[in-house]
């Protein structure tokens, strides 16, 4: 910051002590100030464009990771649902088989009891 203050002070002294009329000096100062302002504005525009570019790149990267996470979530959700459905069907089949076995055993027991009670 001190460097810039020194440069500005040197420029001011140089302009004020130069062999020109007051109008010429003011015009030159005005032109220099406008040029300096234009350079600053151009620098800010370049900086703004770079920030927007970096922000866009960051947004794209975040979007890619979010999409990857969503796809992974959906994959695990589908796998869990398929596993649940498979286990549910297996449990249902096992239950039905057990009921059928119990019914067959009961019927067999009834038939044996019936045969035992028959008089020849």
Protein backbone atom coordinates (compact mmCIF):
# COMPACT_ATOMS: atom_id res chain seq x y z
CA UNK A 1 0.00 0.00 0.00
CA UNK A 2 2.88 2.34 0.82
CA UNK A 3 4.29 1.69 -2.63
CA UNK A 4 1.09 2.85 -4.31
CA UNK A 5 0.93 5.94 -2.10
CA UNK A 6 4.50 6.75 -3.13
CA UNK A 7 3.70 6.26 -6.82
CA UNK A 8 0.58 8.42 -6.59
CA UNK A 9 2.48 11.13 -4.69
CA UNK A 10 5.26 11.09 -7.30
CA UNK A 11 2.76 11.33 -10.13
CA UNK A 12 0.93 14.19 -8.44
CA UNK A 13 4.16 16.14 -7.88
CA UNK A 14 5.24 15.46 -11.46
CA UNK A 15 1.95 16.69 -12.86
CA UNK A 16 1.84 19.75 -10.66
CA UNK A 17 5.39 20.84 -11.41
CA UNK A 18 5.30 20.10 -15.14
CA UNK A 19 5.62 23.14 -17.43
CA UNK A 20 1.98 23.17 -18.57
CA UNK A 21 -0.94 25.44 -18.12
CA UNK A 22 -3.50 24.67 -15.42
CA UNK A 23 -6.08 23.61 -18.01
CA UNK A 24 -3.62 21.22 -19.70
CA UNK A 25 -2.66 19.75 -16.33
CA UNK A 26 -6.30 19.29 -15.32
CA UNK A 27 -7.13 17.72 -18.68
CA UNK A 28 -4.17 15.36 -18.39
CA UNK A 29 -5.16 14.44 -14.81
CA UNK A 30 -8.76 13.87 -15.90
CA UNK A 31 -7.66 11.71 -18.84
CA UNK A 32 -5.25 9.75 -16.61
CA UNK A 33 -7.95 9.23 -13.97
CA UNK A 34 -10.42 8.01 -16.61
CA UNK A 35 -7.81 5.65 -18.08
CA UNK A 36 -7.02 4.35 -14.60
CA UNK A 37 -10.73 3.89 -13.85
CA UNK A 38 -11.19 2.05 -17.17
CA UNK A 39 -8.30 -0.27 -16.31
CA UNK A 40 -9.77 -0.94 -12.87
CA UNK A 41 -13.21 -1.63 -14.36
CA UNK A 42 -11.67 -3.95 -16.94
CA UNK A 43 -9.78 -5.75 -14.17
CA UNK A 44 -12.98 -6.15 -12.17
CA UNK A 45 -14.81 -7.46 -15.24
CA UNK A 46 -12.03 -10.00 -15.85
CA UNK A 47 -12.11 -11.01 -12.19
CA UNK A 48 -15.90 -11.33 -12.29
CA UNK A 49 -15.70 -13.51 -15.42
CA UNK A 50 -13.10 -15.76 -13.76
CA UNK A 51 -15.19 -16.06 -10.60
CA UNK A 52 -18.29 -16.93 -12.66
CA UNK A 53 -16.29 -19.52 -14.60
CA UNK A 54 -14.94 -21.10 -11.41
CA UNK A 55 -18.39 -20.99 -9.82
CA UNK A 56 -19.84 -22.73 -12.87
CA UNK A 57 -17.15 -25.40 -12.73
CA UNK A 58 -17.74 -25.91 -9.01
CA UNK A 59 -21.50 -26.17 -9.59
CA UNK A 60 -20.94 -28.76 -12.34
CA UNK A 61 -18.69 -30.78 -10.05
CA UNK A 62 -21.23 -30.64 -7.23
CA UNK A 63 -24.00 -31.65 -9.64
CA UNK A 64 -21.93 -34.63 -10.83
CA UNK A 65 -21.29 -35.81 -7.27
CA UNK A 66 -24.94 -35.29 -6.33
CA UNK A 67 -26.05 -37.32 -9.35
CA UNK A 68 -23.55 -40.08 -8.46
CA UNK A 69 -24.82 -40.14 -4.88
CA UNK A 70 -28.42 -40.27 -6.05
CA UNK A 71 -27.66 -43.13 -8.46
CA UNK A 72 -25.85 -45.06 -5.71
CA UNK A 73 -28.76 -44.47 -3.33
CA UNK A 74 -31.24 -45.68 -5.95
CA UNK A 75 -29.11 -48.76 -6.65
CA UNK A 76 -28.94 -49.71 -2.96
CA UNK A 77 -32.64 -48.97 -2.52
CA UNK A 78 -33.51 -51.25 -5.44
CA UNK A 79 -31.20 -53.98 -4.18
CA UNK A 80 -32.74 -53.76 -0.70
CA UNK A 81 -36.24 -53.86 -2.17
CA UNK A 82 -35.39 -56.87 -4.31
CA UNK A 83 -33.84 -58.63 -1.34
CA UNK A 84 -36.91 -57.84 0.77
CA UNK A 85 -39.25 -59.14 -1.93
CA UNK A 86 -37.15 -62.30 -2.36
CA UNK A 87 -37.04 -62.94 1.41
CA UNK A 88 -40.76 -62.24 1.70
CA UNK A 89 -41.51 -64.75 -1.06
CA UNK A 90 -39.17 -67.31 0.51
CA UNK A 91 -40.86 -66.87 3.90
CA UNK A 92 -44.28 -67.21 2.30
CA UNK A 93 -43.24 -70.38 0.47
CA UNK A 94 -41.69 -71.85 3.64
CA UNK A 95 -44.87 -71.03 5.59
CA UNK A 96 -47.12 -72.62 2.96
CA UNK A 97 -44.89 -75.69 2.84
CA UNK A 98 -45.05 -76.00 6.64
CA UNK A 99 -48.86 -75.66 6.59
CA UNK A 100 -49.10 -78.27 3.82
CA UNK A 101 -46.81 -80.62 5.78
CA UNK A 102 -48.89 -80.12 8.93
CA UNK A 103 -52.12 -80.75 6.96
CA UNK A 104 -50.65 -83.90 5.42
CA UNK A 105 -49.47 -85.13 8.83
CA UNK A 106 -52.89 -84.39 10.32
CA UNK A 107 -54.67 -86.18 7.48
CA UNK A 108 -52.34 -89.14 7.82
CA UNK A 109 -52.97 -89.21 11.56
CA UNK A 110 -56.73 -89.10 11.01
CA UNK A 111 -56.51 -91.89 8.44
CA UNK A 112 -54.48 -94.02 10.85
CA UNK A 113 -56.92 -93.35 13.64
CA UNK A 114 -59.82 -94.16 11.33
CA UNK A 115 -58.15 -97.42 10.28
CA UNK A 116 -57.50 -98.31 13.89
CA UNK A 117 -61.14 -97.78 14.81
CA UNK A 118 -62.55 -99.86 11.96
CA UNK A 119 -63.83 -103.24 12.92
CA UNK A 120 -63.33 -105.97 10.49
